[in-house]
């Protein structure tokens, strides 16, 4: 079979889709891989830009040339790339109406019916087994309507087959496919073939790579997440697999073998990025084994994520000794009430501060940590915001904050609650274009932004958030100054967005 997989995200790592490519290639199929980065899915842009075409017409014409011989075309998407997937699929449909177009990823899993307005088949859940069997049936000319894990339409009827069990032995899956052959990349409005050199340049543009000016390779060593955060779709996906082991780990040896193979092919790589939600949830003996092998065979600095409940000093020291260079930890809110809304009561302020103190203890051996916080929460009031600032005031330095606006995506607990309470309208499509970087221009959000570099003394952050300042903050002169600041910020943002939009439209026109 000839299969094309399309990846629309700006970050080219594409761990899941590259594993799928490796699985299909192992079955003997030719699998093209097309990177079509759509930066509007991740950036704070004006509405007119989000509504505009994502891609130049020439690039979409070139895409049709690439997929012309494919028997199956697959598109991976999260909710904020729904419009992107529609544009890609519409272009292929227009030129190649006979193609079997399959959508997979988070959004087809949670809203297959909506996706089937545009594609032929939606894969629900983890895709490897479903796509293998679909490809085998199509190749053999057999009926594929009972392949597990698919949704499709039979006339006006929505058909959803049984979801296959989770792959619990992750070592049975191949490592992500990193072969440059049969890859294409959208660059400067043109679709170009990818060489080894170009692939290295792509790795150098991933988030952590750009942050540190290194060539970083991103991978995952596990699947699933033990937490049930209300704003995350993990809980919904877990519900597709009742009674099954949702959190699964690859063996340490499998991970080291993958990294060794990467360095053999791409010796330019000088940084490793583990994007697992639960790396620290591994047993200590596993982490000690990993650290010993990593030091022996890899020896490069690495980046990883953590949660306050899984990070212990013994685990952290073990990984720092192995080369842990940078850590990112989700805190989200310092308000106990909002922690409860987010279903993060187990990650309260006491655990946050305990984990942050461990991180600070080894600050001379690592880069400055990033702590994530969420803003623009519809259940949050000024008191909850002050509680968050009071927590920030207690965090040991050094640190930096990453501030993300809450986006209420479908099928999350937070989305359902917001609908029930009338804070948003159900099926409100504008939510799909939600931007993580857009924040309300309020006084307390301004204090949060000022605190983001970790440079403001804790006592000053606490003072600015103190309830005693409430009457002062609410006084007419301060409110006038706040409104003037808000208008100035909006003006600057509009000018910046107009400039970005103008550049993009000029590029498309040319």
Protein backbone atom coordinates (compact mmCIF):
# COMPACT_ATOMS: atom_id res chain seq x y z
CA UNK A 1 0.00 0.00 0.00
CA UNK A 2 0.98 3.61 -0.53
CA UNK A 3 0.04 5.73 2.50
CA UNK A 4 0.59 9.42 3.29
CA UNK A 5 0.50 10.76 6.85
CA UNK A 6 0.06 14.53 7.29
CA UNK A 7 1.25 16.40 10.39
CA UNK A 8 -0.07 20.01 10.65
CA UNK A 9 1.52 21.06 13.95
CA UNK A 10 4.32 23.65 14.10
CA UNK A 11 6.50 21.35 16.22
CA UNK A 12 7.88 18.67 13.86
CA UNK A 13 8.51 16.03 16.55
CA UNK A 14 5.24 14.15 15.85
CA UNK A 15 6.01 11.25 18.18
CA UNK A 16 2.70 9.38 17.77
CA UNK A 17 2.48 9.80 14.00
CA UNK A 18 6.11 8.72 13.57
CA UNK A 19 5.46 5.55 15.59
CA UNK A 20 2.47 4.89 13.33
CA UNK A 21 4.68 5.41 10.29
CA UNK A 22 7.16 2.87 11.65
CA UNK A 23 4.38 0.36 12.34
CA UNK A 24 2.98 0.64 8.80
CA UNK A 25 6.43 0.47 7.21
CA UNK A 26 7.15 -2.68 9.23
CA UNK A 27 4.09 -4.21 7.55
CA UNK A 28 5.66 -3.48 4.16
CA UNK A 29 3.77 -0.33 3.19
CA UNK A 30 5.36 2.74 1.67
CA UNK A 31 4.56 5.61 4.02
CA UNK A 32 5.11 9.23 3.04
CA UNK A 33 5.27 11.81 5.82
CA UNK A 34 4.27 15.42 5.18
CA UNK A 35 5.00 18.21 7.68
CA UNK A 36 2.59 21.10 7.10
CA UNK A 37 3.23 23.42 10.04
CA UNK A 38 0.28 25.73 10.70
CA UNK A 39 1.49 28.36 13.14
CA UNK A 40 -1.95 29.96 13.52
CA UNK A 41 -3.00 26.98 15.64
CA UNK A 42 -0.54 27.93 18.35
CA UNK A 43 -0.15 31.71 18.19
CA UNK A 44 -2.26 34.55 19.54
CA UNK A 45 -3.52 36.06 16.30
CA UNK A 46 -6.32 38.38 15.28
CA UNK A 47 -9.63 36.82 14.26
CA UNK A 48 -9.21 37.74 10.60
CA UNK A 49 -5.95 35.81 10.46
CA UNK A 50 -7.41 32.74 12.13
CA UNK A 51 -10.23 32.75 9.59
CA UNK A 52 -7.88 33.18 6.64
CA UNK A 53 -6.33 30.36 4.65
CA UNK A 54 -3.65 28.51 6.56
CA UNK A 55 -1.66 27.57 3.48
CA UNK A 56 -0.73 29.12 0.14
CA UNK A 57 -2.63 27.61 -2.79
CA UNK A 58 0.65 26.51 -4.36
CA UNK A 59 1.56 24.45 -1.29
CA UNK A 60 -1.81 22.68 -1.36
CA UNK A 61 -1.38 21.95 -5.08
CA UNK A 62 2.03 20.45 -4.31
CA UNK A 63 0.47 18.39 -1.53
CA UNK A 64 -2.00 16.93 -4.03
CA UNK A 65 0.93 15.96 -6.25
CA UNK A 66 2.60 14.19 -3.31
CA UNK A 67 -0.51 12.19 -2.34
CA UNK A 68 -1.60 11.46 -5.93
CA UNK A 69 -0.44 7.82 -5.76
CA UNK A 70 -1.53 7.17 -2.18
CA UNK A 71 -4.23 4.63 -1.37
CA UNK A 72 -4.84 6.14 2.09
CA UNK A 73 -4.25 9.70 3.29
CA UNK A 74 -4.12 10.21 7.06
CA UNK A 75 -4.36 13.55 8.89
CA UNK A 76 -3.57 13.92 12.61
CA UNK A 77 -5.30 16.69 14.54
CA UNK A 78 -6.08 18.14 17.91
CA UNK A 79 -9.11 20.37 18.37
CA UNK A 80 -7.27 23.64 17.76
CA UNK A 81 -6.19 22.32 14.35
CA UNK A 82 -9.69 21.35 13.21
CA UNK A 83 -9.93 24.18 10.65
CA UNK A 84 -6.44 23.31 9.45
CA UNK A 85 -7.43 19.69 8.81
CA UNK A 86 -10.55 20.85 7.01
CA UNK A 87 -8.48 23.05 4.68
CA UNK A 88 -6.03 20.23 3.92
CA UNK A 89 -8.80 17.71 3.31
CA UNK A 90 -10.87 20.08 1.17
CA UNK A 91 -7.88 20.70 -1.10
CA UNK A 92 -7.27 16.96 -1.56
CA UNK A 93 -10.97 16.28 -2.10
CA UNK A 94 -11.14 18.93 -4.78
CA UNK A 95 -8.31 17.46 -6.83
CA UNK A 96 -8.43 13.78 -5.82
CA UNK A 97 -12.02 12.92 -4.86
CA UNK A 98 -11.37 9.15 -4.90
CA UNK A 99 -8.85 9.18 -2.05
CA UNK A 100 -9.68 7.40 1.21
CA UNK A 101 -9.07 10.12 3.82
CA UNK A 102 -8.64 9.10 7.45
CA UNK A 103 -8.48 11.49 10.40
CA UNK A 104 -6.92 10.45 13.71
CA UNK A 105 -5.80 12.02 16.97
CA UNK A 106 -7.58 13.70 19.86
CA UNK A 107 -10.42 15.45 18.04
CA UNK A 108 -11.54 12.47 15.90
CA UNK A 109 -11.49 10.43 19.11
CA UNK A 110 -13.81 12.77 21.03
CA UNK A 111 -15.97 14.06 18.15
CA UNK A 112 -15.92 11.55 15.30
CA UNK A 113 -19.34 12.56 13.99
CA UNK A 114 -18.21 16.15 13.41
CA UNK A 115 -15.02 14.99 11.71
CA UNK A 116 -16.94 12.73 9.33
CA UNK A 117 -18.43 15.82 7.73
CA UNK A 118 -15.01 16.13 6.10
CA UNK A 119 -13.21 12.76 6.11
CA UNK A 120 -14.18 9.20 5.21
CA UNK A 121 -12.99 7.49 8.38
CA UNK A 122 -12.17 8.66 11.91
CA UNK A 123 -9.87 6.58 14.10
CA UNK A 124 -11.04 6.53 17.71
CA UNK A 125 -8.37 6.00 20.35
CA UNK A 126 -4.82 4.76 19.80
CA UNK A 127 -4.38 4.16 16.09
CA UNK A 128 -1.71 1.53 15.47
CA UNK A 129 -3.86 -1.62 15.45
CA UNK A 130 -6.79 0.05 13.67
CA UNK A 131 -4.64 1.53 10.90
CA UNK A 132 -2.71 -1.71 10.38
CA UNK A 133 -5.91 -3.67 9.88
CA UNK A 134 -7.54 -0.97 7.75
CA UNK A 135 -4.51 -0.91 5.45
CA UNK A 136 -4.49 -4.72 5.24
CA UNK A 137 -8.19 -4.86 4.33
CA UNK A 138 -7.94 -2.08 1.74
CA UNK A 139 -4.90 -3.75 0.17
CA UNK A 140 -6.74 -7.08 -0.02
CA UNK A 141 -9.90 -5.47 -1.37
CA UNK A 142 -11.84 -6.71 1.65
CA UNK A 143 -14.66 -5.08 3.59
CA UNK A 144 -13.20 -2.95 6.39
CA UNK A 145 -16.45 -1.87 8.05
CA UNK A 146 -15.86 -4.03 11.14
CA UNK A 147 -12.25 -2.99 11.75
CA UNK A 148 -12.03 -2.11 15.47
CA UNK A 149 -11.55 1.52 16.46
CA UNK A 150 -13.14 3.20 13.44
CA UNK A 151 -16.05 5.57 12.92
CA UNK A 152 -17.64 6.21 9.52
CA UNK A 153 -20.97 6.94 7.92
CA UNK A 154 -23.20 4.44 6.19
CA UNK A 155 -25.60 6.79 4.43
CA UNK A 156 -26.78 9.12 7.19
CA UNK A 157 -26.03 6.59 9.94
CA UNK A 158 -22.96 7.00 12.16
CA UNK A 159 -21.21 3.66 12.59
CA UNK A 160 -18.69 3.20 15.41
CA UNK A 161 -16.91 -0.13 15.79
CA UNK A 162 -15.66 -1.56 19.07
CA UNK A 163 -12.47 0.03 20.35
CA UNK A 164 -9.53 -2.38 20.41
CA UNK A 165 -7.72 -2.98 23.71
CA UNK A 166 -4.76 -0.83 24.60
CA UNK A 167 -1.28 -1.91 23.60
CA UNK A 168 0.15 -2.60 27.04
CA UNK A 169 3.56 -3.89 25.96
CA UNK A 170 5.01 -0.74 24.42
CA UNK A 171 8.32 -2.43 23.60
CA UNK A 172 6.44 -4.38 20.92
CA UNK A 173 5.97 -1.13 19.00
CA UNK A 174 8.88 0.15 16.91
CA UNK A 175 10.68 3.36 17.75
CA UNK A 176 9.47 6.53 15.96
CA UNK A 177 10.51 6.59 12.30
CA UNK A 178 13.09 9.34 11.73
CA UNK A 179 14.13 8.42 8.19
CA UNK A 180 14.19 11.53 6.01
CA UNK A 181 13.36 9.63 2.81
CA UNK A 182 9.76 10.10 1.67
CA UNK A 183 9.30 13.13 3.91
CA UNK A 184 8.16 16.57 2.79
CA UNK A 185 8.19 19.89 4.63
CA UNK A 186 6.32 23.13 4.04
CA UNK A 187 8.96 25.86 4.13
CA UNK A 188 8.60 29.44 2.89
CA UNK A 189 5.35 28.58 1.15
CA UNK A 190 6.81 25.63 -0.78
CA UNK A 191 6.57 21.89 -0.16
CA UNK A 192 10.11 20.53 -0.29
CA UNK A 193 11.59 17.04 0.11
CA UNK A 194 13.38 16.43 3.39
CA UNK A 195 17.03 15.38 3.48
CA UNK A 196 19.01 14.37 6.56
CA UNK A 197 20.34 17.93 6.81
CA UNK A 198 16.84 19.39 6.59
CA UNK A 199 15.61 16.94 9.23
CA UNK A 200 18.33 18.16 11.58
CA UNK A 201 17.17 21.73 10.94
CA UNK A 202 13.62 20.65 11.78
CA UNK A 203 14.77 19.17 15.09
CA UNK A 204 16.56 22.43 15.83
CA UNK A 205 13.20 24.24 15.61
CA UNK A 206 11.37 22.25 18.28
CA UNK A 207 10.33 24.18 21.37
CA UNK A 208 13.16 23.15 23.69
CA UNK A 209 15.71 23.35 20.89
CA UNK A 210 14.79 26.93 20.09
CA UNK A 211 14.86 27.76 23.80
CA UNK A 212 18.46 26.67 24.22
CA UNK A 213 19.88 27.00 20.71
CA UNK A 214 20.50 23.25 20.47
CA UNK A 215 19.49 20.42 18.15
CA UNK A 216 17.00 18.55 20.29
CA UNK A 217 15.42 15.16 19.72
CA UNK A 218 12.00 14.74 21.31
CA UNK A 219 10.54 11.41 22.34
CA UNK A 220 8.21 9.75 24.86
CA UNK A 221 8.90 6.81 27.13
CA UNK A 222 5.32 6.15 28.26
CA UNK A 223 1.65 6.52 27.38
CA UNK A 224 -1.23 7.73 29.49
CA UNK A 225 -1.36 9.99 32.54
CA UNK A 226 -2.34 9.08 36.13
CA UNK A 227 -3.89 12.50 36.76
CA UNK A 228 -7.46 13.49 35.92
CA UNK A 229 -7.13 17.24 35.42
CA UNK A 230 -10.50 18.74 34.50
CA UNK A 231 -9.13 20.82 31.59
CA UNK A 232 -7.37 17.84 29.97
CA UNK A 233 -8.93 15.22 27.69
CA UNK A 234 -6.91 12.40 29.28
CA UNK A 235 -9.77 11.47 31.61
CA UNK A 236 -12.15 11.12 28.66
CA UNK A 237 -9.73 8.96 26.72
CA UNK A 238 -9.07 6.82 29.79
CA UNK A 239 -12.83 6.19 29.88
CA UNK A 240 -12.63 4.49 26.48
CA UNK A 241 -10.58 1.72 28.09
CA UNK A 242 -12.35 0.72 31.33
CA UNK A 243 -10.52 -1.83 33.45
CA UNK A 244 -7.32 -1.55 31.38
CA UNK A 245 -3.89 -0.33 32.44
CA UNK A 246 -3.90 3.19 31.03
CA UNK A 247 -0.45 4.34 32.19
CA UNK A 248 2.20 2.24 30.43
CA UNK A 249 5.98 2.50 30.28
CA UNK A 250 8.56 1.46 27.73
CA UNK A 251 11.53 -0.40 29.13
CA UNK A 252 14.65 1.60 29.90
CA UNK A 253 16.56 -0.51 27.36
CA UNK A 254 14.04 0.32 24.62
CA UNK A 255 14.44 4.04 25.26
CA UNK A 256 18.24 3.91 25.28
CA UNK A 257 18.26 1.84 22.07
CA UNK A 258 16.10 4.50 20.39
CA UNK A 259 18.36 7.35 21.47
CA UNK A 260 21.47 5.44 20.43
CA UNK A 261 20.00 4.89 16.96
CA UNK A 262 19.13 8.59 16.69
CA UNK A 263 22.69 9.65 17.52
CA UNK A 264 24.08 7.14 15.09
CA UNK A 265 22.02 8.62 12.26
CA UNK A 266 22.05 12.26 13.41
CA UNK A 267 25.26 12.94 15.38
CA UNK A 268 24.36 16.67 15.32
CA UNK A 269 21.78 16.05 18.07
CA UNK A 270 23.06 17.54 21.32
CA UNK A 271 19.94 17.62 23.49
CA UNK A 272 17.19 15.14 24.46
CA UNK A 273 13.64 16.13 25.28
CA UNK A 274 11.32 13.71 27.11
CA UNK A 275 7.75 14.97 26.82
CA UNK A 276 6.11 12.31 29.05
CA UNK A 277 3.51 13.48 31.53
CA UNK A 278 4.71 10.85 33.99
CA UNK A 279 8.45 10.28 33.67
CA UNK A 280 8.85 10.79 37.43
CA UNK A 281 6.08 8.26 38.11
CA UNK A 282 8.49 5.46 37.24
CA UNK A 283 9.84 3.46 40.21
CA UNK A 284 13.13 4.73 41.61
CA UNK A 285 14.96 1.58 40.48
CA UNK A 286 13.83 2.25 36.90
CA UNK A 287 15.14 5.80 37.08
CA UNK A 288 18.45 4.62 38.53
CA UNK A 289 18.77 2.08 35.72
CA UNK A 290 17.90 4.75 33.16
CA UNK A 291 20.42 7.20 34.60
CA UNK A 292 23.25 4.66 34.57
CA UNK A 293 22.62 3.62 30.94
CA UNK A 294 21.99 7.19 29.82
CA UNK A 295 25.30 8.39 31.26
CA UNK A 296 27.11 5.46 29.69
CA UNK A 297 25.60 5.54 26.20
CA UNK A 298 24.09 9.00 25.61
CA UNK A 299 25.61 11.58 27.94
CA UNK A 300 23.69 14.60 26.65
CA UNK A 301 21.68 17.19 28.62
CA UNK A 302 17.95 16.55 28.69
CA UNK A 303 14.61 18.27 29.36
CA UNK A 304 11.53 16.79 31.00
CA UNK A 305 8.16 17.48 32.60
CA UNK A 306 7.07 16.82 36.17
CA UNK A 307 4.08 17.08 38.47
CA UNK A 308 4.26 18.09 42.15
CA UNK A 309 3.09 14.67 43.40
CA UNK A 310 5.56 12.47 41.52
CA UNK A 311 8.77 14.42 42.11
CA UNK A 312 10.88 13.24 45.05
CA UNK A 313 14.39 14.35 45.99
CA UNK A 314 15.89 10.90 45.44
CA UNK A 315 14.39 10.66 41.96
CA UNK A 316 15.29 14.23 41.09
CA UNK A 317 18.91 13.91 42.22
CA UNK A 318 19.25 10.67 40.25
CA UNK A 319 18.17 12.41 37.05
CA UNK A 320 20.19 15.58 37.72
CA UNK A 321 23.27 13.39 38.07
CA UNK A 322 22.44 11.82 34.68
CA UNK A 323 22.24 15.20 32.92
CA UNK A 324 18.81 16.69 33.65
CA UNK A 325 19.23 20.18 32.25
CA UNK A 326 15.78 21.70 32.52
CA UNK A 327 12.47 20.83 34.16
CA UNK A 328 8.94 22.13 33.59
CA UNK A 329 6.30 21.59 36.29
CA UNK A 330 2.59 22.26 36.10
CA UNK A 331 1.21 24.18 39.08
CA UNK A 332 -1.76 25.87 37.33
CA UNK A 333 -3.31 27.66 40.32
CA UNK A 334 -2.54 28.52 43.93
CA UNK A 335 -6.22 28.69 44.88
CA UNK A 336 -7.52 25.59 46.74
CA UNK A 337 -10.97 26.24 45.28
CA UNK A 338 -9.65 26.33 41.70
CA UNK A 339 -7.48 23.30 42.40
CA UNK A 340 -10.69 21.51 43.32
CA UNK A 341 -12.39 22.73 40.13
CA UNK A 342 -9.38 21.44 38.17
CA UNK A 343 -9.48 18.10 40.06
CA UNK A 344 -5.95 18.74 41.29
CA UNK A 345 -6.60 18.67 45.05
CA UNK A 346 -3.85 16.07 45.44
CA UNK A 347 -1.41 18.64 44.07
CA UNK A 348 -2.09 21.34 46.65
CA UNK A 349 0.22 24.17 47.64
CA UNK A 350 2.06 22.12 50.27
CA UNK A 351 3.12 19.58 47.64
CA UNK A 352 3.93 22.33 45.13
CA UNK A 353 6.25 24.09 47.57
CA UNK A 354 7.87 20.82 48.62
CA UNK A 355 8.65 19.94 44.99
CA UNK A 356 9.84 23.49 44.21
CA UNK A 357 12.23 23.41 47.16
CA UNK A 358 13.73 20.16 45.86
CA UNK A 359 14.21 21.73 42.44
CA UNK A 360 15.77 24.87 43.96
CA UNK A 361 18.20 22.75 45.97
CA UNK A 362 19.86 21.61 42.74
CA UNK A 363 19.56 24.93 40.89
CA UNK A 364 23.33 25.25 40.48
CA UNK A 365 23.35 22.06 38.38
CA UNK A 366 20.42 22.87 36.06
CA UNK A 367 18.83 25.64 34.06
CA UNK A 368 16.12 27.80 35.64
CA UNK A 369 12.91 25.73 35.97
CA UNK A 370 9.62 26.68 34.35
CA UNK A 371 6.41 26.56 36.39
CA UNK A 372 3.13 26.54 34.45
CA UNK A 373 0.09 28.54 35.53
CA UNK A 374 -3.35 28.91 33.95
CA UNK A 375 -5.11 32.28 33.56
CA UNK A 376 -8.53 33.44 32.33
CA UNK A 377 -10.36 30.79 34.37
CA UNK A 378 -14.12 31.43 34.33
CA UNK A 379 -14.51 30.20 37.95
CA UNK A 380 -11.69 32.40 39.21
CA UNK A 381 -12.30 35.63 41.12
CA UNK A 382 -9.86 38.21 42.49
CA UNK A 383 -9.47 36.24 45.70
CA UNK A 384 -8.43 33.11 43.77
CA UNK A 385 -5.98 35.17 41.72
CA UNK A 386 -4.48 36.62 44.90
CA UNK A 387 -4.05 33.11 46.30
CA UNK A 388 -2.11 32.17 43.18
CA UNK A 389 0.12 35.24 43.54
CA UNK A 390 0.66 34.46 47.22
CA UNK A 391 1.85 30.98 46.24
CA UNK A 392 4.18 32.46 43.62
CA UNK A 393 5.59 34.78 46.28
CA UNK A 394 6.62 31.68 48.29
CA UNK A 395 8.27 29.80 45.42
CA UNK A 396 12.03 29.56 45.95
CA UNK A 397 14.08 31.28 43.30
CA UNK A 398 15.27 30.95 40.63
CA UNK A 399 12.25 30.20 38.45
CA UNK A 400 10.33 31.40 35.44
CA UNK A 401 6.60 31.18 34.87
CA UNK A 402 4.79 30.02 31.76
CA UNK A 403 1.30 31.50 31.63
CA UNK A 404 -1.39 29.77 29.60
CA UNK A 405 -4.95 30.91 29.05
CA UNK A 406 -7.53 28.23 29.83
CA UNK A 407 -9.05 26.87 26.62
CA UNK A 408 -12.21 24.83 27.25
CA UNK A 409 -11.95 22.06 24.71
CA UNK A 410 -14.82 19.61 24.13
CA UNK A 411 -15.07 16.38 26.12
CA UNK A 412 -13.13 17.71 29.10
CA UNK A 413 -14.69 17.86 32.56
CA UNK A 414 -14.13 21.62 32.65
CA UNK A 415 -15.90 22.06 29.30
CA UNK A 416 -18.95 20.05 30.46
CA UNK A 417 -19.12 22.02 33.71
CA UNK A 418 -18.83 25.35 31.89
CA UNK A 419 -21.67 24.33 29.56
CA UNK A 420 -23.87 23.20 32.45
CA UNK A 421 -23.26 26.45 34.32
CA UNK A 422 -23.87 28.59 31.24
CA UNK A 423 -20.35 29.99 31.06
CA UNK A 424 -20.02 28.84 27.44
CA UNK A 425 -22.46 27.64 24.80
CA UNK A 426 -22.26 23.92 23.96
CA UNK A 427 -20.64 23.13 20.60
CA UNK A 428 -19.35 26.67 20.34
CA UNK A 429 -16.97 26.36 17.38
CA UNK A 430 -15.07 29.52 18.32
CA UNK A 431 -13.57 27.52 21.18
CA UNK A 432 -11.59 25.53 18.61
CA UNK A 433 -9.60 28.66 17.83
CA UNK A 434 -8.80 29.28 21.49
CA UNK A 435 -5.33 30.67 22.06
CA UNK A 436 -3.19 29.66 25.01
CA UNK A 437 -1.28 32.93 25.04
CA UNK A 438 -4.22 35.41 25.22
CA UNK A 439 -4.79 36.85 28.69
CA UNK A 440 -7.35 39.31 30.04
CA UNK A 441 -5.77 42.69 30.72
CA UNK A 442 -6.54 42.90 34.43
CA UNK A 443 -4.47 44.25 37.27
CA UNK A 444 -3.84 40.84 38.83
CA UNK A 445 -2.95 39.30 35.48
CA UNK A 446 -0.52 42.19 35.05
CA UNK A 447 1.09 41.32 38.39
CA UNK A 448 1.25 37.69 37.26
CA UNK A 449 3.02 38.73 34.06
CA UNK A 450 5.48 40.90 35.99
CA UNK A 451 6.26 37.87 38.17
CA UNK A 452 6.89 35.55 35.22
CA UNK A 453 10.66 36.04 35.06
CA UNK A 454 11.06 35.29 38.74
CA UNK A 455 12.83 38.62 39.28
CA UNK A 456 10.27 40.43 41.42
CA UNK A 457 10.99 39.84 45.13
CA UNK A 458 8.48 37.52 46.77
CA UNK A 459 7.55 40.11 49.41
CA UNK A 460 6.62 42.58 46.66
CA UNK A 461 4.49 40.02 44.80
CA UNK A 462 2.74 39.23 48.09
CA UNK A 463 2.22 42.93 48.78
CA UNK A 464 0.71 43.56 45.34
CA UNK A 465 -1.65 40.63 45.89
CA UNK A 466 -2.54 41.48 49.50
CA UNK A 467 -6.22 41.90 50.33
CA UNK A 468 -5.38 45.12 52.16
CA UNK A 469 -4.57 46.70 48.83
CA UNK A 470 -8.03 45.90 47.54
CA UNK A 471 -9.51 49.36 48.22
CA UNK A 472 -6.44 50.99 46.68
CA UNK A 473 -6.53 48.73 43.65
CA UNK A 474 -10.25 49.46 43.26
CA UNK A 475 -9.85 53.22 43.61
CA UNK A 476 -10.75 55.43 40.61
CA UNK A 477 -7.17 56.59 39.86
CA UNK A 478 -5.86 53.00 39.77
CA UNK A 479 -8.80 51.84 37.66
CA UNK A 480 -8.20 54.70 35.22
CA UNK A 481 -4.53 53.75 35.00
CA UNK A 482 -5.50 50.10 34.56
CA UNK A 483 -7.89 50.97 31.72
CA UNK A 484 -5.24 53.11 30.03
CA UNK A 485 -2.73 50.26 30.34
CA UNK A 486 -5.27 47.80 28.92
CA UNK A 487 -5.94 50.05 25.92
CA UNK A 488 -2.23 50.56 25.29
CA UNK A 489 -1.60 46.81 25.45
CA UNK A 490 -4.46 46.16 23.03
CA UNK A 491 -3.10 48.74 20.61
CA UNK A 492 0.36 47.21 20.68
CA UNK A 493 -1.13 43.73 20.22
CA UNK A 494 -3.25 44.84 17.27
CA UNK A 495 -0.27 46.45 15.57
CA UNK A 496 1.79 43.32 16.10
CA UNK A 497 -0.99 41.07 14.80
CA UNK A 498 -1.64 43.31 11.80
CA UNK A 499 2.05 43.20 10.92
CA UNK A 500 2.08 39.39 11.19
CA UNK A 501 -1.11 39.13 9.15
CA UNK A 502 0.23 41.49 6.47
CA UNK A 503 3.44 39.48 6.14
CA UNK A 504 1.55 36.23 5.85
CA UNK A 505 -0.88 37.51 3.24
CA UNK A 506 2.03 38.99 1.25
CA UNK A 507 3.75 35.61 1.31
CA UNK A 508 0.59 33.85 0.16
CA UNK A 509 0.06 36.36 -2.65
CA UNK A 510 3.58 35.82 -3.92
